[in-house]
């Protein structure tokens, strides 16, 4: 059973490393990093490493806040650059038709 926990820890660290390195490519890598933080926290609790589990909670919250901010920023950009279906169907970026 100990090898299973150790393998889970290694896989969690690989997820964290890859997603942290790729975080600037897409907001989904930020979400993957948040999931990796959650998995690392689970691993730390299973290994009875409580300080590590507590620090992973902070990393998880930070990654989730960053993901939400990236999502909100993308949504604003999509609304500002939306192409109307036909002329006059939606206001432009300045609120004019």
N, C-alpha and C. Protein backbone atom coordinates (compact mmCIF):
# COMPACT_ATOMS: atom_id res chain seq x y z
N UNK A 1 0.82 -1.20 0.00
CA UNK A 1 0.00 0.00 0.00
C UNK A 1 0.87 1.26 0.00
N UNK A 2 2.05 1.17 0.58
CA UNK A 2 2.94 2.32 0.65
C UNK A 2 3.41 2.74 -0.75
N UNK A 3 3.64 1.79 -1.63
CA UNK A 3 4.07 2.12 -2.99
C UNK A 3 2.97 2.84 -3.75
N UNK A 4 1.70 2.53 -3.43
CA UNK A 4 0.59 3.20 -4.08
C UNK A 4 0.54 4.68 -3.69
N UNK A 5 0.75 4.95 -2.43
CA UNK A 5 0.78 6.34 -1.96
C UNK A 5 1.96 7.09 -2.56
N UNK A 6 3.10 6.43 -2.64
CA UNK A 6 4.29 7.05 -3.21
C UNK A 6 4.10 7.35 -4.70
N UNK A 7 3.50 6.43 -5.43
CA UNK A 7 3.22 6.64 -6.85
C UNK A 7 2.23 7.79 -7.04
N UNK A 8 1.22 7.86 -6.19
CA UNK A 8 0.26 8.95 -6.24
C UNK A 8 0.96 10.29 -6.01
N UNK A 9 1.89 10.33 -5.08
CA UNK A 9 2.66 11.54 -4.82
C UNK A 9 3.51 11.95 -6.01
N UNK A 10 4.15 11.00 -6.65
CA UNK A 10 4.96 11.30 -7.83
C UNK A 10 4.10 11.84 -8.98
N UNK A 11 2.98 11.19 -9.22
CA UNK A 11 2.10 11.64 -10.30
C UNK A 11 1.54 13.04 -10.02
N UNK A 12 1.23 13.29 -8.77
CA UNK A 12 0.75 14.62 -8.39
C UNK A 12 1.81 15.68 -8.66
N UNK A 13 3.04 15.38 -8.33
CA UNK A 13 4.12 16.35 -8.56
C UNK A 13 4.38 16.57 -10.05
N UNK A 14 4.23 15.54 -10.85
CA UNK A 14 4.38 15.69 -12.30
C UNK A 14 3.28 16.59 -12.85
N UNK A 15 2.05 16.39 -12.38
CA UNK A 15 0.94 17.25 -12.81
C UNK A 15 1.22 18.70 -12.43
N UNK A 16 1.68 18.92 -11.20
CA UNK A 16 1.98 20.28 -10.76
C UNK A 16 3.09 20.91 -11.59
N UNK A 17 4.13 20.17 -11.84
CA UNK A 17 5.28 20.70 -12.58
C UNK A 17 4.91 21.06 -14.02
N UNK A 18 4.24 20.16 -14.70
CA UNK A 18 3.87 20.40 -16.10
C UNK A 18 2.86 21.54 -16.20
N UNK A 19 1.85 21.53 -15.35
CA UNK A 19 0.83 22.58 -15.45
C UNK A 19 1.38 23.94 -15.05
N UNK A 20 2.31 24.00 -14.11
CA UNK A 20 2.91 25.27 -13.73
C UNK A 20 3.79 25.81 -14.86
N UNK A 21 4.50 24.92 -15.54
CA UNK A 21 5.34 25.34 -16.66
C UNK A 21 4.52 25.82 -17.85
N UNK A 22 3.34 25.26 -18.05
CA UNK A 22 2.50 25.59 -19.20
C UNK A 22 1.43 26.63 -18.88
N UNK A 23 1.45 27.17 -17.69
CA UNK A 23 0.38 28.04 -17.22
C UNK A 23 0.15 29.28 -18.10
N UNK A 24 1.20 29.79 -18.72
CA UNK A 24 1.05 30.98 -19.55
C UNK A 24 0.41 30.68 -20.91
N UNK A 25 0.31 29.43 -21.27
CA UNK A 25 -0.24 29.05 -22.59
C UNK A 25 -1.76 29.13 -22.65
N UNK A 26 -2.42 28.76 -21.55
CA UNK A 26 -3.88 28.72 -21.55
C UNK A 26 -4.39 28.78 -20.12
N UNK A 27 -5.60 29.28 -19.98
CA UNK A 27 -6.19 29.32 -18.63
C UNK A 27 -6.51 27.92 -18.13
N UNK A 28 -6.64 26.97 -19.03
CA UNK A 28 -6.94 25.60 -18.62
C UNK A 28 -5.74 24.96 -17.92
N UNK A 29 -4.53 25.41 -18.25
CA UNK A 29 -3.36 24.92 -17.51
C UNK A 29 -3.38 25.45 -16.08
N UNK A 30 -3.94 26.65 -15.90
CA UNK A 30 -4.09 27.18 -14.55
C UNK A 30 -5.09 26.34 -13.78
N UNK A 31 -6.16 25.93 -14.43
CA UNK A 31 -7.14 25.04 -13.79
C UNK A 31 -6.50 23.69 -13.46
N UNK A 32 -5.66 23.19 -14.36
CA UNK A 32 -4.96 21.93 -14.09
C UNK A 32 -4.02 22.08 -12.90
N UNK A 33 -3.40 23.25 -12.77
CA UNK A 33 -2.53 23.50 -11.62
C UNK A 33 -3.35 23.50 -10.32
N UNK A 34 -4.54 24.08 -10.36
CA UNK A 34 -5.40 24.08 -9.17
C UNK A 34 -5.81 22.65 -8.81
N UNK A 35 -6.11 21.84 -9.80
CA UNK A 35 -6.45 20.44 -9.54
C UNK A 35 -5.24 19.70 -8.97
N UNK A 36 -4.05 20.00 -9.51
CA UNK A 36 -2.83 19.40 -8.98
C UNK A 36 -2.59 19.80 -7.53
N UNK A 37 -2.89 21.04 -7.19
CA UNK A 37 -2.75 21.48 -5.80
C UNK A 37 -3.70 20.71 -4.89
N UNK A 38 -4.92 20.50 -5.37
CA UNK A 38 -5.87 19.72 -4.59
C UNK A 38 -5.37 18.29 -4.37
N UNK A 39 -4.87 17.68 -5.45
CA UNK A 39 -4.35 16.32 -5.34
C UNK A 39 -3.13 16.25 -4.42
N UNK A 40 -2.27 17.27 -4.48
CA UNK A 40 -1.11 17.31 -3.59
C UNK A 40 -1.55 17.45 -2.13
N UNK A 41 -2.61 18.21 -1.90
CA UNK A 41 -3.15 18.33 -0.54
C UNK A 41 -3.70 17.00 -0.04
N UNK A 42 -4.38 16.28 -0.94
CA UNK A 42 -4.89 14.95 -0.56
C UNK A 42 -3.73 14.02 -0.24
N UNK A 43 -2.70 14.06 -1.06
CA UNK A 43 -1.52 13.23 -0.81
C UNK A 43 -0.89 13.58 0.54
N UNK A 44 -0.78 14.87 0.83
CA UNK A 44 -0.17 15.29 2.09
C UNK A 44 -0.98 14.82 3.29
N UNK A 45 -2.30 14.87 3.16
CA UNK A 45 -3.13 14.39 4.27
C UNK A 45 -2.99 12.88 4.44
N UNK A 46 -2.92 12.15 3.34
CA UNK A 46 -2.75 10.70 3.43
C UNK A 46 -1.38 10.33 4.02
N UNK A 47 -0.39 11.17 3.76
CA UNK A 47 0.96 10.92 4.28
C UNK A 47 1.17 11.54 5.66
N UNK A 48 0.12 12.17 6.20
CA UNK A 48 0.17 12.83 7.52
C UNK A 48 1.21 13.94 7.56
N UNK A 49 1.32 14.68 6.47
CA UNK A 49 2.21 15.85 6.40
C UNK A 49 1.32 17.09 6.43
N UNK A 50 0.81 17.42 7.60
CA UNK A 50 -0.19 18.46 7.74
C UNK A 50 0.29 19.86 7.31
N UNK A 51 1.52 20.27 7.61
CA UNK A 51 1.94 21.60 7.13
C UNK A 51 1.95 21.70 5.61
N UNK A 52 2.34 20.64 4.94
CA UNK A 52 2.33 20.61 3.48
C UNK A 52 0.89 20.68 2.96
N UNK A 53 -0.02 19.98 3.63
CA UNK A 53 -1.43 20.02 3.23
C UNK A 53 -2.00 21.43 3.38
N UNK A 54 -1.63 22.10 4.46
CA UNK A 54 -2.12 23.47 4.67
C UNK A 54 -1.58 24.42 3.62
N UNK A 55 -0.31 24.28 3.24
CA UNK A 55 0.25 25.16 2.22
C UNK A 55 -0.39 24.89 0.86
N UNK A 56 -0.76 23.67 0.58
CA UNK A 56 -1.41 23.35 -0.69
C UNK A 56 -2.79 23.98 -0.79
N UNK A 57 -3.44 24.16 0.35
CA UNK A 57 -4.74 24.85 0.34
C UNK A 57 -4.55 26.28 -0.13
N UNK A 58 -3.51 26.96 0.34
CA UNK A 58 -3.25 28.33 -0.10
C UNK A 58 -2.92 28.38 -1.60
N UNK A 59 -2.11 27.44 -2.07
CA UNK A 59 -1.80 27.39 -3.50
C UNK A 59 -3.07 27.14 -4.32
N UNK A 60 -3.93 26.26 -3.82
CA UNK A 60 -5.19 25.96 -4.52
C UNK A 60 -6.06 27.20 -4.62
N UNK A 61 -6.22 27.93 -3.54
CA UNK A 61 -7.04 29.14 -3.55
C UNK A 61 -6.44 30.18 -4.52
N UNK A 62 -5.14 30.36 -4.47
CA UNK A 62 -4.49 31.31 -5.38
C UNK A 62 -4.66 30.94 -6.84
N UNK A 63 -4.51 29.66 -7.16
CA UNK A 63 -4.67 29.21 -8.54
C UNK A 63 -6.12 29.35 -9.00
N UNK A 64 -7.07 29.08 -8.12
CA UNK A 64 -8.48 29.21 -8.47
C UNK A 64 -8.84 30.67 -8.72
N UNK A 65 -8.34 31.58 -7.88
CA UNK A 65 -8.59 33.01 -8.08
C UNK A 65 -7.99 33.47 -9.42
N UNK A 66 -6.80 33.00 -9.72
CA UNK A 66 -6.17 33.37 -11.00
C UNK A 66 -6.97 32.83 -12.18
N UNK A 67 -7.46 31.60 -12.08
CA UNK A 67 -8.26 31.01 -13.15
C UNK A 67 -9.54 31.81 -13.36
N UNK A 68 -10.21 32.19 -12.27
CA UNK A 68 -11.45 32.97 -12.38
C UNK A 68 -11.19 34.33 -13.00
N UNK A 69 -10.06 34.96 -12.63
CA UNK A 69 -9.72 36.26 -13.21
C UNK A 69 -9.44 36.13 -14.70
N UNK A 70 -8.75 35.08 -15.09
CA UNK A 70 -8.47 34.86 -16.51
C UNK A 70 -9.77 34.60 -17.28
N UNK A 71 -10.70 33.89 -16.67
CA UNK A 71 -11.97 33.59 -17.32
C UNK A 71 -12.79 34.87 -17.49
N UNK A 72 -12.83 35.72 -16.44
CA UNK A 72 -13.57 36.97 -16.53
C UNK A 72 -12.96 37.89 -17.58
N UNK A 73 -11.64 37.96 -17.64
CA UNK A 73 -10.97 38.81 -18.61
C UNK A 73 -11.26 38.32 -20.02
N UNK A 74 -11.25 37.01 -20.23
CA UNK A 74 -11.53 36.46 -21.55
C UNK A 74 -12.97 36.74 -21.96
N UNK A 75 -13.90 36.61 -21.02
CA UNK A 75 -15.30 36.85 -21.32
C UNK A 75 -15.52 38.31 -21.73
N UNK A 76 -14.88 39.26 -21.02
CA UNK A 76 -14.99 40.67 -21.40
C UNK A 76 -14.45 40.89 -22.81
N UNK A 77 -13.32 40.27 -23.12
CA UNK A 77 -12.72 40.42 -24.45
C UNK A 77 -13.65 39.84 -25.52
N UNK A 78 -14.26 38.71 -25.25
CA UNK A 78 -15.15 38.09 -26.22
C UNK A 78 -16.37 38.97 -26.46
N UNK A 79 -16.89 39.60 -25.41
CA UNK A 79 -18.03 40.49 -25.59
C UNK A 79 -17.65 41.73 -26.37
N UNK A 80 -16.46 42.26 -26.12
CA UNK A 80 -16.04 43.49 -26.79
C UNK A 80 -15.74 43.27 -28.26
N UNK A 81 -15.32 42.07 -28.62
CA UNK A 81 -14.94 41.80 -30.01
C UNK A 81 -15.96 40.93 -30.75
N UNK A 82 -17.16 40.81 -30.19
CA UNK A 82 -18.18 39.96 -30.82
C UNK A 82 -18.61 40.55 -32.16
N UNK A 83 -18.76 39.68 -33.14
CA UNK A 83 -19.22 40.10 -34.46
C UNK A 83 -20.72 39.87 -34.52
N UNK A 84 -21.51 40.91 -34.79
CA UNK A 84 -22.96 40.72 -34.85
C UNK A 84 -23.35 39.82 -36.01
N UNK A 85 -24.50 39.17 -35.88
CA UNK A 85 -24.96 38.28 -36.94
C UNK A 85 -25.33 39.05 -38.20
N UNK A 86 -25.92 40.21 -38.03
CA UNK A 86 -26.21 41.08 -39.17
C UNK A 86 -26.10 42.52 -38.68
N UNK A 87 -26.00 43.44 -39.58
CA UNK A 87 -25.77 44.84 -39.22
C UNK A 87 -26.91 45.34 -38.33
N UNK A 88 -26.55 45.96 -37.22
CA UNK A 88 -27.53 46.53 -36.32
C UNK A 88 -28.09 45.55 -35.31
N UNK A 89 -27.56 44.35 -35.24
CA UNK A 89 -28.11 43.36 -34.32
C UNK A 89 -27.62 43.55 -32.90
N UNK A 90 -26.44 44.15 -32.73
CA UNK A 90 -25.89 44.31 -31.38
C UNK A 90 -25.08 45.60 -31.35
N UNK A 91 -25.00 46.23 -30.20
CA UNK A 91 -24.17 47.44 -30.12
C UNK A 91 -22.70 47.10 -30.28
N UNK A 92 -21.94 48.04 -30.79
CA UNK A 92 -20.51 47.82 -30.92
C UNK A 92 -19.82 48.04 -29.58
N UNK A 93 -18.50 48.07 -29.56
CA UNK A 93 -17.75 48.17 -28.31
C UNK A 93 -18.00 49.48 -27.58
N UNK A 94 -18.50 50.51 -28.27
CA UNK A 94 -18.73 51.81 -27.64
C UNK A 94 -20.19 52.02 -27.28
N UNK A 95 -21.02 50.97 -27.46
CA UNK A 95 -22.42 51.06 -27.10
C UNK A 95 -23.31 51.67 -28.17
N UNK A 96 -22.77 51.90 -29.35
CA UNK A 96 -23.56 52.46 -30.44
C UNK A 96 -23.99 51.36 -31.39
N UNK A 97 -25.11 51.59 -32.07
CA UNK A 97 -25.57 50.62 -33.06
C UNK A 97 -25.03 50.93 -34.43
